[in-house]
Amino acid sequence: MAKWTGSMLLLITAFCCRAGNTDTIAVYSNAMHKNIPCVVITPSGYKQPGRQYPVLYLLHGYGGNYAQWPKTAPQLSSRADEMKMIIVCPDGGVGSWWLDSPVDTAFRYETFVGAELPAYIDSHYPTLADRGHRAITGLSMGGHGGFYLGIRHKDLFGAAGATSGGVDIRPFPNSWDLKKRLGDTACCKGSWEKNTVINVVSGLNKGELKLIFDCGIADFFLQVNRNLHQLLLARGIDHDYTERPGGHNGNYWKNSIDYQLVFFHKFFEGL
């Protein structure tokens, strides 16, 4: 039987338990005239000269904030290191739905994540600053944001995803501050139709964007995800869609994000 020396054990422990760096920063939004907190997870040793990394933008849900993903999925630090990617978790305010509200100019989160934040990250971190190395996803409200922003900003993102995503907001007119962001459905139906993901898909053509989404079979968003899946199939748009046991909760998201990370890693690697 082989004997492990102390130095061997230290080396194995360092390799197996190595994790990236997690920092909280503030990024100023000119559109909203305020600082937006963001968690940035970087691979260990990311400042080595000559190294550049792809970036995944990870959006939180309604009632969450920039710290939701690191708390829900603490393995993100290790995954960022293993897959050699930077993960950025911005704050989206309360019920922003990651869009530029047509009725409340204080909410300009499409502008922030679709322009201001990537510009900041690319200028302050060693990124591979092209759409082939930039992706976006999120949970629940952030799943809406992942697809909404990914599709509307195909020049910026090459891949997009959602887990437990609110990919059609129209069946939920009285929930989650949606009326505050889009107006009442009686007067502002056009805003609802224009800003729901299942309709935004009309601006997407086959091969333009790598897509992945999933939903738990006990989730209240299951049907809208199934509807989106069927629409994408009907339009011939390639995508990965999965249903798994689980509900709309942290246990589901902690598990599902690992599958999405593999998907995005393969996209970044050109596989």
C-alpha atoms as a PDB file:
ATOM      1  CA  MET A   1       0.000   0.000   0.000  1.00  0.00           C
ATOM      2  CA  ALA A   2       1.346   3.428  -0.958  1.00  0.00           C
ATOM      3  CA  LYS A   3       2.125   5.874   1.812  1.00  0.00           C
ATOM      4  CA  TRP A   4       1.086   9.515   1.504  1.00  0.00           C
ATOM      5  CA  THR A   5       3.665  12.017   2.646  1.00  0.00           C
ATOM      6  CA  GLY A   6       2.682  15.278   4.286  1.00  0.00           C
ATOM      7  CA  SER A   7       3.704  17.271   1.211  1.00  0.00           C
ATOM      8  CA  MET A   8       1.601  15.025  -1.055  1.00  0.00           C
ATOM      9  CA  LEU A   9      -1.440  15.467   1.137  1.00  0.00           C
ATOM     10  CA  LEU A  10      -1.009  19.233   1.158  1.00  0.00           C
ATOM     11  CA  LEU A  11      -0.747  19.279  -2.629  1.00  0.00           C
ATOM     12  CA  ILE A  12      -3.862  17.143  -3.074  1.00  0.00           C
ATOM     13  CA  THR A  13      -5.820  19.209  -0.567  1.00  0.00           C
ATOM     14  CA  ALA A  14      -4.801  22.452  -2.260  1.00  0.00           C
ATOM     15  CA  PHE A  15      -5.885  21.128  -5.674  1.00  0.00           C
ATOM     16  CA  CYS A  16      -9.181  19.583  -4.541  1.00  0.00           C
ATOM     17  CA  CYS A  17     -10.268  22.472  -2.362  1.00  0.00           C
ATOM     18  CA  ARG A  18      -8.968  25.346  -4.449  1.00  0.00           C
ATOM     19  CA  ALA A  19     -11.494  28.096  -4.979  1.00  0.00           C
ATOM     20  CA  GLY A  20     -11.686  31.402  -6.732  1.00  0.00           C
ATOM     21  CA  ASN A  21     -11.853  34.850  -5.184  1.00  0.00           C
ATOM     22  CA  THR A  22     -15.158  36.483  -4.258  1.00  0.00           C
ATOM     23  CA  ASP A  23     -15.351  40.265  -3.994  1.00  0.00           C
ATOM     24  CA  THR A  24     -18.153  42.797  -3.700  1.00  0.00           C
ATOM     25  CA  ILE A  25     -17.729  45.933  -5.775  1.00  0.00           C
ATOM     26  CA  ALA A  26     -19.835  48.993  -6.593  1.00  0.00           C
ATOM     27  CA  VAL A  27     -20.403  49.962 -10.224  1.00  0.00           C
ATOM     28  CA  TYR A  28     -21.810  53.390 -10.967  1.00  0.00           C
ATOM     29  CA  SER A  29     -24.777  53.515 -13.322  1.00  0.00           C
ATOM     30  CA  ASN A  30     -25.048  56.727 -15.302  1.00  0.00           C
ATOM     31  CA  ALA A  31     -28.542  55.686 -16.364  1.00  0.00           C
ATOM     32  CA  MET A  32     -29.780  55.411 -12.770  1.00  0.00           C
ATOM     33  CA  HIS A  33     -27.374  57.848 -11.090  1.00  0.00           C
ATOM     34  CA  LYS A  34     -26.334  55.466  -8.353  1.00  0.00           C
ATOM     35  CA  ASN A  35     -23.841  52.807  -7.399  1.00  0.00           C
ATOM     36  CA  ILE A  36     -24.953  49.219  -7.991  1.00  0.00           C
ATOM     37  CA  PRO A  37     -23.385  46.511  -5.793  1.00  0.00           C
ATOM     38  CA  CYS A  38     -22.118  43.421  -7.587  1.00  0.00           C
ATOM     39  CA  VAL A  39     -20.374  40.228  -6.536  1.00  0.00           C
ATOM     40  CA  VAL A  40     -17.482  39.279  -8.805  1.00  0.00           C
ATOM     41  CA  ILE A  41     -16.077  35.751  -8.568  1.00  0.00           C
ATOM     42  CA  THR A  42     -12.686  35.311 -10.209  1.00  0.00           C
ATOM     43  CA  PRO A  43     -10.464  32.258 -10.692  1.00  0.00           C
ATOM     44  CA  SER A  44      -7.471  31.945  -8.380  1.00  0.00           C
ATOM     45  CA  GLY A  45      -4.419  33.641  -9.849  1.00  0.00           C
ATOM     46  CA  TYR A  46      -6.528  35.506 -12.384  1.00  0.00           C
ATOM     47  CA  LYS A  47      -4.136  38.469 -12.357  1.00  0.00           C
ATOM     48  CA  GLN A  48      -1.352  36.470 -13.958  1.00  0.00           C
ATOM     49  CA  PRO A  49       0.006  38.408 -16.955  1.00  0.00           C
ATOM     50  CA  GLY A  50      -1.440  37.349 -20.256  1.00  0.00           C
ATOM     51  CA  ARG A  51      -4.428  35.450 -18.860  1.00  0.00           C
ATOM     52  CA  GLN A  52      -7.929  36.389 -20.029  1.00  0.00           C
ATOM     53  CA  TYR A  53     -11.247  34.858 -19.043  1.00  0.00           C
ATOM     54  CA  PRO A  54     -14.820  34.472 -20.296  1.00  0.00           C
ATOM     55  CA  VAL A  55     -17.575  36.058 -18.224  1.00  0.00           C
ATOM     56  CA  LEU A  56     -20.921  34.705 -17.042  1.00  0.00           C
ATOM     57  CA  TYR A  57     -23.484  37.230 -15.768  1.00  0.00           C
ATOM     58  CA  LEU A  58     -25.703  35.605 -13.154  1.00  0.00           C
ATOM     59  CA  LEU A  59     -28.968  37.362 -12.243  1.00  0.00           C
ATOM     60  CA  HIS A  60     -30.948  37.010  -9.009  1.00  0.00           C
ATOM     61  CA  GLY A  61     -34.684  36.591  -8.529  1.00  0.00           C
ATOM     62  CA  TYR A  62     -37.452  38.763  -7.149  1.00  0.00           C
ATOM     63  CA  GLY A  63     -36.765  39.516  -3.490  1.00  0.00           C
ATOM     64  CA  GLY A  64     -33.111  38.593  -3.910  1.00  0.00           C
ATOM     65  CA  ASN A  65     -30.064  40.765  -4.402  1.00  0.00           C
ATOM     66  CA  TYR A  66     -26.465  40.581  -5.577  1.00  0.00           C
ATOM     67  CA  ALA A  67     -25.632  38.116  -2.764  1.00  0.00           C
ATOM     68  CA  GLN A  68     -28.411  35.622  -3.564  1.00  0.00           C
ATOM     69  CA  TRP A  69     -26.442  33.427  -5.937  1.00  0.00           C
ATOM     70  CA  PRO A  70     -23.270  33.119  -3.807  1.00  0.00           C
ATOM     71  CA  LYS A  71     -25.430  32.209  -0.802  1.00  0.00           C
ATOM     72  CA  THR A  72     -27.642  29.794  -2.718  1.00  0.00           C
ATOM     73  CA  ALA A  73     -24.800  28.102  -4.592  1.00  0.00           C
ATOM     74  CA  PRO A  74     -21.578  28.433  -2.562  1.00  0.00           C
ATOM     75  CA  GLN A  75     -19.861  26.088  -5.010  1.00  0.00           C
ATOM     76  CA  LEU A  76     -19.708  28.945  -7.522  1.00  0.00           C
ATOM     77  CA  SER A  77     -16.285  29.969  -6.236  1.00  0.00           C
ATOM     78  CA  SER A  78     -14.865  26.517  -6.891  1.00  0.00           C
ATOM     79  CA  ARG A  79     -16.623  26.251 -10.254  1.00  0.00           C
ATOM     80  CA  ALA A  80     -15.210  29.590 -11.405  1.00  0.00           C
ATOM     81  CA  ASP A  81     -11.754  28.280 -10.606  1.00  0.00           C
ATOM     82  CA  GLU A  82     -12.278  24.854 -12.186  1.00  0.00           C
ATOM     83  CA  MET A  83     -13.792  26.267 -15.377  1.00  0.00           C
ATOM     84  CA  LYS A  84     -11.583  29.346 -15.555  1.00  0.00           C
ATOM     85  CA  MET A  85     -14.356  31.873 -15.873  1.00  0.00           C
ATOM     86  CA  ILE A  86     -15.362  35.114 -14.177  1.00  0.00           C
ATOM     87  CA  ILE A  87     -18.876  35.153 -12.689  1.00  0.00           C
ATOM     88  CA  VAL A  88     -20.609  38.498 -12.107  1.00  0.00           C
ATOM     89  CA  CYS A  89     -23.716  38.768  -9.904  1.00  0.00           C
ATOM     90  CA  PRO A  90     -25.217  42.272 -10.138  1.00  0.00           C
ATOM     91  CA  ASP A  91     -27.960  43.737  -7.982  1.00  0.00           C
ATOM     92  CA  GLY A  92     -31.237  44.191  -9.814  1.00  0.00           C
ATOM     93  CA  GLY A  93     -33.191  46.089  -7.211  1.00  0.00           C
ATOM     94  CA  VAL A  94     -36.613  44.992  -5.988  1.00  0.00           C
ATOM     95  CA  GLY A  95     -38.762  43.694  -8.811  1.00  0.00           C
ATOM     96  CA  SER A  96     -36.850  45.299 -11.663  1.00  0.00           C
ATOM     97  CA  TRP A  97     -37.382  42.309 -13.962  1.00  0.00           C
ATOM     98  CA  TRP A  98     -34.052  43.392 -15.461  1.00  0.00           C
ATOM     99  CA  LEU A  99     -35.668  45.790 -17.917  1.00  0.00           C
ATOM    100  CA  ASP A 100     -35.875  49.511 -18.536  1.00  0.00           C
ATOM    101  CA  SER A 101     -39.251  50.353 -17.049  1.00  0.00           C
ATOM    102  CA  PRO A 102     -41.469  52.376 -19.397  1.00  0.00           C
ATOM    103  CA  VAL A 103     -43.314  53.840 -16.385  1.00  0.00           C
ATOM    104  CA  ASP A 104     -40.545  54.344 -13.813  1.00  0.00           C
ATOM    105  CA  THR A 105     -37.300  55.915 -15.002  1.00  0.00           C
ATOM    106  CA  ALA A 106     -35.563  54.920 -11.759  1.00  0.00           C
ATOM    107  CA  PHE A 107     -35.447  51.344 -13.094  1.00  0.00           C
ATOM    108  CA  ARG A 108     -32.996  51.113 -16.010  1.00  0.00           C
ATOM    109  CA  TYR A 109     -31.576  47.670 -15.464  1.00  0.00           C
ATOM    110  CA  GLU A 110     -31.530  46.662 -19.128  1.00  0.00           C
ATOM    111  CA  THR A 111     -29.229  49.585 -19.789  1.00  0.00           C
ATOM    112  CA  PHE A 112     -27.121  48.688 -16.779  1.00  0.00           C
ATOM    113  CA  VAL A 113     -26.604  44.991 -17.527  1.00  0.00           C
ATOM    114  CA  GLY A 114     -26.867  45.351 -21.290  1.00  0.00           C
ATOM    115  CA  ALA A 115     -24.263  48.108 -21.579  1.00  0.00           C
ATOM    116  CA  GLU A 116     -22.814  49.748 -18.480  1.00  0.00           C
ATOM    117  CA  LEU A 117     -21.811  46.713 -16.433  1.00  0.00           C
ATOM    118  CA  PRO A 118     -20.079  44.724 -19.210  1.00  0.00           C
ATOM    119  CA  ALA A 119     -18.137  47.838 -20.167  1.00  0.00           C
ATOM    120  CA  TYR A 120     -16.978  48.208 -16.564  1.00  0.00           C
ATOM    121  CA  ILE A 121     -16.065  44.538 -16.147  1.00  0.00           C
ATOM    122  CA  ASP A 122     -14.146  44.461 -19.430  1.00  0.00           C
ATOM    123  CA  SER A 123     -12.167  47.554 -18.442  1.00  0.00           C
ATOM    124  CA  HIS A 124     -11.312  46.393 -14.911  1.00  0.00           C
ATOM    125  CA  TYR A 125     -10.806  42.624 -15.300  1.00  0.00           C
ATOM    126  CA  PRO A 126      -8.812  40.471 -17.745  1.00  0.00           C
ATOM    127  CA  THR A 127     -11.779  39.367 -19.842  1.00  0.00           C
ATOM    128  CA  LEU A 128     -12.162  37.904 -23.291  1.00  0.00           C
ATOM    129  CA  ALA A 129     -14.341  40.801 -24.372  1.00  0.00           C
ATOM    130  CA  ASP A 130     -16.422  39.305 -27.168  1.00  0.00           C
ATOM    131  CA  ARG A 131     -19.802  37.625 -27.437  1.00  0.00           C
ATOM    132  CA  GLY A 132     -18.193  34.229 -27.872  1.00  0.00           C
ATOM    133  CA  HIS A 133     -16.929  34.487 -24.307  1.00  0.00           C
ATOM    134  CA  ARG A 134     -19.858  36.262 -22.662  1.00  0.00           C
ATOM    135  CA  ALA A 135     -23.073  34.639 -21.393  1.00  0.00           C
ATOM    136  CA  ILE A 136     -26.005  35.500 -19.140  1.00  0.00           C
ATOM    137  CA  THR A 137     -28.492  33.506 -17.064  1.00  0.00           C
ATOM    138  CA  GLY A 138     -30.443  33.733 -13.826  1.00  0.00           C
ATOM    139  CA  LEU A 139     -33.149  32.337 -11.581  1.00  0.00           C
ATOM    140  CA  SER A 140     -36.858  33.196 -11.571  1.00  0.00           C
ATOM    141  CA  MET A 141     -37.021  36.956 -12.316  1.00  0.00           C
ATOM    142  CA  GLY A 142     -33.367  36.608 -13.255  1.00  0.00           C
ATOM    143  CA  GLY A 143     -34.306  33.822 -15.664  1.00  0.00           C
ATOM    144  CA  HIS A 144     -36.568  36.304 -17.386  1.00  0.00           C
ATOM    145  CA  GLY A 145     -33.626  38.695 -17.399  1.00  0.00           C
ATOM    146  CA  GLY A 146     -31.206  36.118 -18.774  1.00  0.00           C
ATOM    147  CA  PHE A 147     -33.325  35.402 -21.843  1.00  0.00           C
ATOM    148  CA  TYR A 148     -34.666  38.943 -22.211  1.00  0.00           C
ATOM    149  CA  LEU A 149     -31.234  40.565 -22.168  1.00  0.00           C
ATOM    150  CA  GLY A 150     -29.528  37.766 -24.066  1.00  0.00           C
ATOM    151  CA  ILE A 151     -31.989  37.941 -26.940  1.00  0.00           C
ATOM    152  CA  ARG A 152     -32.199  41.733 -27.047  1.00  0.00           C
ATOM    153  CA  HIS A 153     -28.413  42.091 -26.893  1.00  0.00           C
ATOM    154  CA  LYS A 154     -27.147  39.340 -29.163  1.00  0.00           C
ATOM    155  CA  ASP A 155     -24.218  41.550 -30.117  1.00  0.00           C
ATOM    156  CA  LEU A 156     -23.074  41.392 -26.487  1.00  0.00           C
ATOM    157  CA  PHE A 157     -23.982  37.849 -25.370  1.00  0.00           C
ATOM    158  CA  GLY A 158     -23.419  34.647 -27.282  1.00  0.00           C
ATOM    159  CA  ALA A 159     -25.340  32.394 -24.893  1.00  0.00           C
ATOM    160  CA  ALA A 160     -28.270  32.836 -22.528  1.00  0.00           C
ATOM    161  CA  GLY A 161     -30.140  30.792 -19.984  1.00  0.00           C
ATOM    162  CA  ALA A 162     -32.807  30.620 -17.304  1.00  0.00           C
ATOM    163  CA  THR A 163     -33.553  28.378 -14.356  1.00  0.00           C
ATOM    164  CA  SER A 164     -37.124  28.437 -13.020  1.00  0.00           C
ATOM    165  CA  GLY A 165     -37.533  31.466 -15.236  1.00  0.00           C
ATOM    166  CA  GLY A 166     -40.569  33.728 -15.446  1.00  0.00           C
ATOM    167  CA  VAL A 167     -40.362  33.513 -19.230  1.00  0.00           C
ATOM    168  CA  ASP A 168     -43.951  34.682 -19.729  1.00  0.00           C
ATOM    169  CA  ILE A 169     -45.079  37.344 -17.294  1.00  0.00           C
ATOM    170  CA  ARG A 170     -48.574  37.843 -18.709  1.00  0.00           C
ATOM    171  CA  PRO A 171     -50.287  35.111 -16.623  1.00  0.00           C
ATOM    172  CA  PHE A 172     -49.176  36.893 -13.437  1.00  0.00           C
ATOM    173  CA  PRO A 173     -50.478  40.486 -13.743  1.00  0.00           C
ATOM    174  CA  ASN A 174     -50.895  41.057 -10.002  1.00  0.00           C
ATOM    175  CA  SER A 175     -47.586  39.604  -8.834  1.00  0.00           C
ATOM    176  CA  TRP A 176     -44.021  40.673  -8.090  1.00  0.00           C
ATOM    177  CA  ASP A 177     -44.297  44.428  -8.756  1.00  0.00           C
ATOM    178  CA  LEU A 178     -44.911  43.839 -12.454  1.00  0.00           C
ATOM    179  CA  LYS A 179     -47.563  46.563 -12.636  1.00  0.00           C
ATOM    180  CA  LYS A 180     -45.126  49.007 -11.062  1.00  0.00           C
ATOM    181  CA  ARG A 181     -42.638  48.344 -13.866  1.00  0.00           C
ATOM    182  CA  LEU A 182     -44.976  47.961 -16.842  1.00  0.00           C
ATOM    183  CA  GLY A 183     -48.194  49.711 -15.869  1.00  0.00           C
ATOM    184  CA  ASP A 184     -51.633  48.223 -15.427  1.00  0.00           C
ATOM    185  CA  THR A 185     -52.635  45.642 -18.026  1.00  0.00           C
ATOM    186  CA  ALA A 186     -55.809  47.610 -18.771  1.00  0.00           C
ATOM    187  CA  CYS A 187     -53.931  50.672 -19.992  1.00  0.00           C
ATOM    188  CA  CYS A 188     -50.514  49.299 -20.908  1.00  0.00           C
ATOM    189  CA  LYS A 189     -51.087  45.938 -22.555  1.00  0.00           C
ATOM    190  CA  GLY A 190     -48.541  46.787 -25.226  1.00  0.00           C
ATOM    191  CA  SER A 191     -45.773  47.075 -22.635  1.00  0.00           C
ATOM    192  CA  TRP A 192     -46.591  43.611 -21.300  1.00  0.00           C
ATOM    193  CA  GLU A 193     -46.624  42.075 -24.758  1.00  0.00           C
ATOM    194  CA  LYS A 194     -43.382  43.749 -25.800  1.00  0.00           C
ATOM    195  CA  ASN A 195     -41.460  42.860 -22.650  1.00  0.00           C
ATOM    196  CA  THR A 196     -42.363  39.227 -22.051  1.00  0.00           C
ATOM    197  CA  VAL A 197     -39.675  36.734 -23.066  1.00  0.00           C
ATOM    198  CA  ILE A 198     -41.983  34.429 -24.988  1.00  0.00           C
ATOM    199  CA  ASN A 199     -42.700  37.320 -27.394  1.00  0.00           C
ATOM    200  CA  VAL A 200     -39.143  38.668 -27.418  1.00  0.00           C
ATOM    201  CA  VAL A 201     -38.159  35.309 -28.949  1.00  0.00           C
ATOM    202  CA  SER A 202     -39.659  36.569 -32.219  1.00  0.00           C
ATOM    203  CA  GLY A 203     -36.460  38.591 -32.630  1.00  0.00           C
ATOM    204  CA  LEU A 204     -34.302  35.469 -32.524  1.00  0.00           C
ATOM    205  CA  ASN A 205     -33.242  33.396 -35.512  1.00  0.00           C
ATOM    206  CA  LYS A 206     -31.813  29.897 -35.629  1.00  0.00           C
ATOM    207  CA  GLY A 207     -28.149  29.759 -34.619  1.00  0.00           C
ATOM    208  CA  GLU A 208     -27.925  33.307 -33.280  1.00  0.00           C
ATOM    209  CA  LEU A 209     -27.729  32.414 -29.589  1.00  0.00           C
ATOM    210  CA  LYS A 210     -26.944  29.319 -27.535  1.00  0.00           C
ATOM    211  CA  LEU A 211     -29.864  28.703 -25.178  1.00  0.00           C
ATOM    212  CA  ILE A 212     -30.368  26.605 -22.054  1.00  0.00           C
ATOM    213  CA  PHE A 213     -33.255  26.598 -19.597  1.00  0.00           C
ATOM    214  CA  ASP A 214     -34.828  24.290 -17.068  1.00  0.00           C
ATOM    215  CA  CYS A 215     -37.647  24.151 -14.556  1.00  0.00           C
ATOM    216  CA  GLY A 216     -38.752  21.974 -11.663  1.00  0.00           C
ATOM    217  CA  ILE A 217     -41.891  19.908 -12.170  1.00  0.00           C
ATOM    218  CA  ALA A 218     -43.395  21.365  -8.971  1.00  0.00           C
ATOM    219  CA  ASP A 219     -42.647  24.970 -10.009  1.00  0.00           C
ATOM    220  CA  PHE A 220     -45.437  27.489 -10.681  1.00  0.00           C
ATOM    221  CA  PHE A 221     -43.470  28.619 -13.752  1.00  0.00           C
ATOM    222  CA  LEU A 222     -43.456  25.121 -15.268  1.00  0.00           C
ATOM    223  CA  GLN A 223     -46.189  25.723 -17.830  1.00  0.00           C
ATOM    224  CA  VAL A 224     -44.714  28.948 -19.191  1.00  0.00           C
ATOM    225  CA  ASN A 225     -41.370  27.178 -19.595  1.00  0.00           C
ATOM    226  CA  ARG A 226     -43.067  24.321 -21.437  1.00  0.00           C
ATOM    227  CA  ASN A 227     -44.786  26.861 -23.675  1.00  0.00           C
ATOM    228  CA  LEU A 228     -41.473  28.516 -24.492  1.00  0.00           C
ATOM    229  CA  HIS A 229     -39.899  25.138 -25.229  1.00  0.00           C
ATOM    230  CA  GLN A 230     -42.688  24.304 -27.674  1.00  0.00           C
ATOM    231  CA  LEU A 231     -42.421  27.698 -29.360  1.00  0.00           C
ATOM    232  CA  LEU A 232     -38.682  27.304 -29.860  1.00  0.00           C
ATOM    233  CA  LEU A 233     -39.222  23.832 -31.307  1.00  0.00           C
ATOM    234  CA  ALA A 234     -41.864  25.177 -33.684  1.00  0.00           C
ATOM    235  CA  ARG A 235     -39.507  27.907 -34.857  1.00  0.00           C
ATOM    236  CA  GLY A 236     -36.607  25.496 -35.312  1.00  0.00           C
ATOM    237  CA  ILE A 237     -34.394  27.273 -32.753  1.00  0.00           C
ATOM    238  CA  ASP A 238     -31.915  24.931 -31.109  1.00  0.00           C
ATOM    239  CA  HIS A 239     -31.903  24.905 -27.312  1.00  0.00           C
ATOM    240  CA  ASP A 240     -31.384  22.724 -24.264  1.00  0.00           C
ATOM    241  CA  TYR A 241     -34.483  22.319 -22.106  1.00  0.00           C
ATOM    242  CA  THR A 242     -34.767  20.131 -19.009  1.00  0.00           C
ATOM    243  CA  GLU A 243     -37.428  19.387 -16.420  1.00  0.00           C
ATOM    244  CA  ARG A 244     -36.320  17.926 -13.091  1.00  0.00           C
ATOM    245  CA  PRO A 245     -37.963  17.067  -9.783  1.00  0.00           C
ATOM    246  CA  GLY A 246     -38.093  20.139  -7.567  1.00  0.00           C
ATOM    247  CA  GLY A 247     -39.847  23.392  -6.864  1.00  0.00           C
ATOM    248  CA  HIS A 248     -39.138  27.096  -6.914  1.00  0.00           C
ATOM    249  CA  ASN A 249     -36.438  27.144  -4.256  1.00  0.00           C
ATOM    250  CA  GLY A 250     -32.759  27.311  -3.422  1.00  0.00           C
ATOM    251  CA  ASN A 251     -32.228  23.560  -3.378  1.00  0.00           C
ATOM    252  CA  TYR A 252     -33.359  23.362  -6.991  1.00  0.00           C
ATOM    253  CA  TRP A 253     -31.218  26.314  -8.110  1.00  0.00           C
ATOM    254  CA  LYS A 254     -28.112  25.093  -6.301  1.00  0.00           C
ATOM    255  CA  ASN A 255     -28.353  21.892  -8.319  1.00  0.00           C
ATOM    256  CA  SER A 256     -29.448  23.314 -11.659  1.00  0.00           C
ATOM    257  CA  ILE A 257     -26.716  25.929 -11.916  1.00  0.00           C
ATOM    258  CA  ASP A 258     -24.040  23.232 -12.086  1.00  0.00           C
ATOM    259  CA  TYR A 259     -25.568  21.882 -15.298  1.00  0.00           C
ATOM    260  CA  GLN A 260     -25.774  25.361 -16.772  1.00  0.00           C
ATOM    261  CA  LEU A 261     -22.159  26.099 -15.876  1.00  0.00           C
ATOM    262  CA  VAL A 262     -21.068  23.048 -17.863  1.00  0.00           C
ATOM    263  CA  PHE A 263     -23.159  24.254 -20.812  1.00  0.00           C
ATOM    264  CA  PHE A 264     -21.612  27.717 -20.732  1.00  0.00           C
ATOM    265  CA  HIS A 265     -18.104  26.341 -20.220  1.00  0.00           C
ATOM    266  CA  LYS A 266     -18.505  24.233 -23.349  1.00  0.00           C
ATOM    267  CA  PHE A 267     -19.771  27.291 -25.229  1.00  0.00           C
ATOM    268  CA  PHE A 268     -16.767  29.348 -24.090  1.00  0.00           C
ATOM    269  CA  GLU A 269     -14.445  26.546 -25.184  1.00  0.00           C
ATOM    270  CA  GLY A 270     -16.102  26.318 -28.574  1.00  0.00           C
ATOM    271  CA  LEU A 271     -17.251  22.751 -27.959  1.00  0.00           C
END
